[in-house]
Amino acid sequence: MSRITATDQVLLLLQERLERAQRRKPQLEARSATPRERVEAMASVRTLDQRSFRKALVRGLLAQNLGETLVGDPAFDRVVQGVLAILEDSPAGLELLAQSEVLLGRGEG
């Protein structure tokens, strides 16, 4: 059994809020939140420190692209940690993370 971290709880809460907001809007066809919508919602949660935000960003994008069912798997968390480590260990990766933070209103522009 895997542990649910604070980051997982924040992502689940954000997903629930996005889904609730979507249900309030009359739409012709239902759709799930886009990766950008999820990340923008996550960026509005100011209680996350920079490292947690970056981890949540990577986790959300990987989950969106690889499938939500993988999120609870400990191997998925290791992949998230590995991807984040690769990004943080390279100047280009750090620049990408910094640009993402600025675009989402979390970094300095």
Foldseek 3Di string as FASTA:
>chain_A
DDDQDPLNVLLVVLQVVQVVVQVVDDDPDDDGDDLVSSLLSSLVPPVDDLVSNQLSNLLSVCCVVVHVVCSRPPVSSVVSVVVSVVLVVDPVSVVVSQVSCVVSVNHDD
